[in-house]
Amino acid sequence: MTKEQQAEQAASAAASAAADAARDAGLPADQQATLAAEAAQKAAADAGMTKEQQAEQAASGAASAAADAARDAGLSADKQATLAAEAAQKAAADAGMTKEQQAEQAASAAASAAADAARDAGLPADQQATLAAEAAQKAAADAGMTKEQQAEQAASAAASAAAHAARDAGLSADKQATLAAKAAQKAAADAGMTKEQQAEQAASAAASAAADAARDAGLSADKQATLAAEAAQKAAADAGMTKEQQAEQAAS
């Protein structure tokens, strides 16, 4: 594992332990989330993460704790996503993030909670992606994001959920990137984006999925970048972009 991955694992473990202890002590869900956020932020700081990374870990820890508490209480998937988003936004605010960053954390948390709930319910990968996109778009709207920002969050959430499902199914890195791209393009279309914007979201999603797969495989940073560029170019081509546009997506 890289130093960053070790730090992320430490923060996640600290958050889980704090949430478990708070739950065992009979504390309410919002307090479980707050304590998880504080533990994650401290662990991230101890591991040498930057202030922004610490804040991200705090938001993620709070969201996970809130979603777990909601699930344990038998609340619906929609409610799990909403509470996760609210907890993430609060933790991000407490950690000093900007309003836009808070909104991004809220959307990401909602998407993760929705995808987890869909996965737990045994729903297929495409439905996991759709529900994640819808949750992200709603959380982004609730947090005051513009329509375009909401659409971007939806596309990103769908891509992440699709890539996660593909990874869990043991599919290749190429397949993970392809499915992430398709999910992002569909979510972007559903959110009212133009054809060009849909293609851009697809290329970005493919690049992220390919880079994540390469990183998980322990490949070098250069190799991660190369594979991300190749995946972006392929997704851009599949989405109907010109050769010039494909090159731009690969370069970005």
Protein backbone atom coordinates (compact mmCIF):
# COMPACT_ATOMS: atom_id res chain seq x y z
CA MET A 1 0.00 0.00 0.00
CA THR A 2 1.09 3.56 -0.64
CA LYS A 3 1.45 6.01 2.24
CA GLU A 4 -1.77 7.73 1.17
CA GLN A 5 -3.70 4.45 1.07
CA GLN A 6 -2.35 3.55 4.51
CA ALA A 7 -3.51 6.93 5.84
CA GLU A 8 -6.96 6.45 4.30
CA GLN A 9 -7.23 3.01 5.89
CA ALA A 10 -6.18 4.41 9.27
CA ALA A 11 -8.77 7.18 9.08
CA SER A 12 -11.50 4.78 8.01
CA ALA A 13 -10.66 2.36 10.80
CA ALA A 14 -10.63 5.13 13.39
CA ALA A 15 -14.01 6.38 12.22
CA SER A 16 -15.55 2.90 12.31
CA ALA A 17 -14.22 2.23 15.80
CA ALA A 18 -15.52 5.56 17.10
CA ALA A 19 -18.94 5.00 15.53
CA ASP A 20 -19.15 1.48 16.96
CA ALA A 21 -18.25 2.73 20.44
CA ALA A 22 -20.80 5.54 20.22
CA ARG A 23 -23.48 3.13 19.04
CA ASP A 24 -22.68 0.68 21.83
CA ALA A 25 -22.94 3.55 24.32
CA GLY A 26 -26.45 4.28 23.06
CA LEU A 27 -25.60 7.68 21.61
CA PRO A 28 -27.88 9.13 18.91
CA ALA A 29 -27.02 8.85 15.22
CA ASP A 30 -25.89 12.46 14.80
CA GLN A 31 -23.46 12.08 17.69
CA GLN A 32 -22.16 8.81 16.24
CA ALA A 33 -21.44 10.69 13.02
CA THR A 34 -19.73 13.59 14.78
CA LEU A 35 -17.47 11.31 16.83
CA ALA A 36 -16.61 9.26 13.73
CA ALA A 37 -15.68 12.45 11.88
CA GLU A 38 -13.47 13.66 14.70
CA ALA A 39 -11.71 10.30 14.94
CA ALA A 40 -11.13 10.14 11.18
CA GLN A 41 -9.78 13.68 11.08
CA LYS A 42 -7.38 13.00 13.97
CA ALA A 43 -6.14 9.74 12.42
CA ALA A 44 -5.64 11.48 9.07
CA ALA A 45 -3.68 14.27 10.78
CA ASP A 46 -1.55 11.74 12.67
CA ALA A 47 -0.83 10.01 9.36
CA GLY A 48 0.46 13.24 7.83
CA MET A 49 -2.45 14.07 5.54
CA THR A 50 -3.05 17.65 4.43
CA LYS A 51 -5.83 19.75 5.99
CA GLU A 52 -8.03 19.20 2.94
CA GLN A 53 -7.46 15.45 3.03
CA GLN A 54 -8.23 15.42 6.76
CA ALA A 55 -11.51 17.22 6.05
CA GLU A 56 -12.39 14.71 3.32
CA GLN A 57 -11.74 11.82 5.70
CA ALA A 58 -13.87 13.50 8.38
CA ALA A 59 -16.77 13.91 5.95
CA SER A 60 -16.44 10.33 4.75
CA GLY A 61 -16.32 9.00 8.33
CA ALA A 62 -19.38 10.98 9.35
CA ALA A 63 -21.31 9.87 6.27
CA SER A 64 -20.54 6.19 6.82
CA ALA A 65 -21.57 6.39 10.46
CA ALA A 66 -24.82 8.16 9.61
CA ALA A 67 -25.68 5.70 6.84
CA ASP A 68 -24.95 2.72 9.10
CA ALA A 69 -27.14 4.16 11.87
CA ALA A 70 -29.97 4.78 9.42
CA ARG A 71 -29.67 1.26 8.02
CA ASP A 72 -29.64 -0.25 11.52
CA ALA A 73 -32.79 1.74 12.30
CA GLY A 74 -34.51 0.20 9.28
CA LEU A 75 -34.80 3.47 7.39
CA SER A 76 -35.28 3.54 3.61
CA ALA A 77 -32.42 3.81 1.13
CA ASP A 78 -33.49 7.38 0.32
CA LYS A 79 -33.35 8.32 3.99
CA GLN A 80 -29.97 6.65 4.41
CA ALA A 81 -28.62 8.74 1.54
CA THR A 82 -30.14 11.96 2.87
CA LEU A 83 -28.76 11.47 6.37
CA ALA A 84 -25.34 10.51 5.02
CA ALA A 85 -25.29 13.69 2.93
CA GLU A 86 -26.30 15.87 5.87
CA ALA A 87 -23.65 14.30 8.11
CA ALA A 88 -20.94 14.73 5.47
CA GLN A 89 -21.88 18.35 4.85
CA LYS A 90 -21.80 19.14 8.58
CA ALA A 91 -18.45 17.41 9.09
CA ALA A 92 -17.00 19.20 6.07
CA ALA A 93 -18.22 22.53 7.45
CA ASP A 94 -16.79 21.74 10.90
CA ALA A 95 -13.47 20.93 9.23
CA GLY A 96 -13.36 24.30 7.48
CA MET A 97 -14.30 23.36 3.94
CA THR A 98 -15.87 25.89 1.57
CA LYS A 99 -19.58 25.77 0.72
CA GLU A 100 -18.81 24.21 -2.65
CA GLN A 101 -16.59 21.55 -1.06
CA GLN A 102 -19.29 20.84 1.53
CA ALA A 103 -21.80 20.32 -1.28
CA GLU A 104 -19.42 17.98 -3.11
CA GLN A 105 -18.92 15.93 0.04
CA ALA A 106 -22.70 15.77 0.58
CA ALA A 107 -23.31 14.55 -2.98
CA SER A 108 -20.56 11.96 -2.76
CA ALA A 109 -21.85 10.69 0.59
CA ALA A 110 -25.42 10.40 -0.67
CA ALA A 111 -24.26 8.51 -3.74
CA SER A 112 -22.19 6.06 -1.71
CA ALA A 113 -25.04 5.40 0.71
CA ALA A 114 -27.52 4.87 -2.12
CA ALA A 115 -25.16 2.54 -4.00
CA ASP A 116 -24.46 0.53 -0.86
CA ALA A 117 -28.19 0.19 -0.14
CA ALA A 118 -28.84 -0.91 -3.73
CA ARG A 119 -25.99 -3.41 -3.56
CA ASP A 120 -27.25 -4.79 -0.23
CA ALA A 121 -30.67 -5.20 -1.83
CA GLY A 122 -29.14 -7.30 -4.61
CA LEU A 123 -29.97 -4.84 -7.38
CA PRO A 124 -28.02 -5.07 -10.66
CA ALA A 125 -25.05 -2.82 -11.38
CA ASP A 126 -26.92 -0.49 -13.74
CA GLN A 127 -29.60 0.12 -11.12
CA GLN A 128 -26.95 0.76 -8.47
CA ALA A 129 -25.47 3.42 -10.76
CA THR A 130 -28.86 5.02 -11.47
CA LEU A 131 -29.81 5.22 -7.80
CA ALA A 132 -26.40 6.63 -6.89
CA ALA A 133 -26.77 9.30 -9.57
CA GLU A 134 -30.24 10.28 -8.39
CA ALA A 135 -29.09 10.52 -4.76
CA ALA A 136 -26.08 12.61 -5.70
CA GLN A 137 -28.17 14.97 -7.81
CA LYS A 138 -30.70 15.44 -5.00
CA ALA A 139 -28.01 16.07 -2.39
CA ALA A 140 -26.27 18.53 -4.70
CA ALA A 141 -29.56 20.36 -5.25
CA ASP A 142 -30.28 20.43 -1.52
CA ALA A 143 -26.81 21.87 -0.96
CA GLY A 144 -27.48 24.71 -3.41
CA MET A 145 -25.49 23.57 -6.43
CA THR A 146 -26.38 24.76 -9.93
CA LYS A 147 -28.14 22.47 -12.42
CA GLU A 148 -24.86 21.86 -14.25
CA GLN A 149 -23.05 21.01 -11.01
CA GLN A 150 -25.89 18.67 -10.03
CA ALA A 151 -25.53 16.89 -13.37
CA GLU A 152 -21.77 16.58 -12.91
CA GLN A 153 -22.26 15.06 -9.46
CA ALA A 154 -24.83 12.63 -10.86
CA ALA A 155 -22.49 11.49 -13.64
CA SER A 156 -19.58 11.09 -11.24
CA ALA A 157 -21.71 9.11 -8.80
CA ALA A 158 -23.03 6.78 -11.48
CA ALA A 159 -19.53 6.14 -12.75
CA SER A 160 -18.19 5.35 -9.29
CA ALA A 161 -21.04 2.95 -8.56
CA ALA A 162 -20.61 1.18 -11.89
CA ALA A 163 -16.85 0.87 -11.46
CA HIS A 164 -17.31 -0.45 -7.93
CA ALA A 165 -19.80 -3.06 -9.11
CA ALA A 166 -17.49 -4.11 -11.94
CA ARG A 167 -14.54 -4.38 -9.55
CA ASP A 168 -16.61 -6.48 -7.11
CA ALA A 169 -17.56 -8.75 -10.01
CA GLY A 170 -13.87 -9.31 -10.79
CA LEU A 171 -14.04 -7.64 -14.20
CA SER A 172 -10.90 -6.34 -15.91
CA ALA A 173 -9.65 -2.77 -15.64
CA ASP A 174 -10.73 -2.15 -19.25
CA LYS A 175 -14.24 -3.36 -18.49
CA GLN A 176 -14.40 -1.25 -15.32
CA ALA A 177 -13.51 1.84 -17.35
CA THR A 178 -16.00 1.03 -20.11
CA LEU A 179 -18.88 0.46 -17.70
CA ALA A 180 -18.03 3.59 -15.72
CA ALA A 181 -18.06 5.61 -18.94
CA LYS A 182 -21.43 4.24 -20.04
CA ALA A 183 -22.96 4.90 -16.61
CA ALA A 184 -21.64 8.45 -16.55
CA GLN A 185 -22.92 9.13 -20.07
CA LYS A 186 -26.39 7.83 -19.19
CA ALA A 187 -26.56 9.83 -15.95
CA ALA A 188 -25.40 12.96 -17.77
CA ALA A 189 -28.10 12.44 -20.39
CA ASP A 190 -30.76 11.85 -17.74
CA ALA A 191 -29.66 15.08 -16.05
CA GLY A 192 -30.13 17.06 -19.26
CA MET A 193 -26.54 17.52 -20.39
CA THR A 194 -25.68 18.10 -24.04
CA LYS A 195 -24.17 15.33 -26.19
CA GLU A 196 -20.75 16.93 -25.88
CA GLN A 197 -21.03 17.20 -22.10
CA GLN A 198 -22.18 13.57 -21.92
CA ALA A 199 -19.09 12.53 -23.88
CA GLU A 200 -16.85 14.58 -21.60
CA GLN A 201 -18.35 12.93 -18.53
CA ALA A 202 -17.87 9.50 -20.10
CA ALA A 203 -14.21 10.19 -20.86
CA SER A 204 -13.56 11.56 -17.40
CA ALA A 205 -15.25 8.56 -15.78
CA ALA A 206 -13.27 6.07 -17.86
CA ALA A 207 -10.02 7.81 -16.97
CA SER A 208 -10.80 7.79 -13.25
CA ALA A 209 -11.83 4.13 -13.26
CA ALA A 210 -8.73 3.09 -15.21
CA ALA A 211 -6.45 5.07 -12.91
CA ASP A 212 -8.10 3.58 -9.81
CA ALA A 213 -7.72 0.06 -11.18
CA ALA A 214 -4.07 0.69 -12.02
CA ARG A 215 -3.42 2.12 -8.56
CA ASP A 216 -5.13 -0.85 -6.90
CA ALA A 217 -2.89 -3.12 -8.98
CA GLY A 218 0.19 -1.34 -7.63
CA LEU A 219 1.24 0.10 -10.99
CA SER A 220 3.48 3.16 -11.18
CA ALA A 221 2.15 6.70 -11.43
CA ASP A 222 3.34 6.88 -15.06
CA LYS A 223 1.47 3.70 -15.92
CA GLN A 224 -1.66 4.94 -14.14
CA ALA A 225 -1.54 8.13 -16.22
CA THR A 226 -1.02 6.22 -19.46
CA LEU A 227 -3.90 3.85 -18.84
CA ALA A 228 -6.16 6.71 -17.79
CA ALA A 229 -5.36 8.59 -21.02
CA GLU A 230 -6.03 5.50 -23.15
CA ALA A 231 -9.34 4.85 -21.38
CA ALA A 232 -10.41 8.48 -21.81
CA GLN A 233 -9.60 8.40 -25.52
CA LYS A 234 -11.53 5.15 -26.04
CA ALA A 235 -14.56 6.42 -24.13
CA ALA A 236 -14.49 9.68 -26.09
CA ALA A 237 -14.40 7.72 -29.34
CA ASP A 238 -17.27 5.47 -28.21
CA ALA A 239 -19.26 8.60 -27.37
CA GLY A 240 -18.81 9.97 -30.89
CA MET A 241 -16.15 12.62 -30.30
CA THR A 242 -13.86 13.72 -33.13
CA LYS A 243 -10.19 12.65 -33.24
CA GLU A 244 -9.20 16.09 -31.98
CA GLN A 245 -11.66 15.92 -29.09
CA GLN A 246 -10.48 12.42 -28.24
CA ALA A 247 -6.91 13.69 -28.05
CA GLU A 248 -8.01 16.55 -25.79
CA GLN A 249 -9.73 14.13 -23.42
CA ALA A 250 -6.67 11.86 -23.36
CA ALA A 251 -4.42 14.82 -22.61
CA SER A 252 -6.63 16.09 -19.79
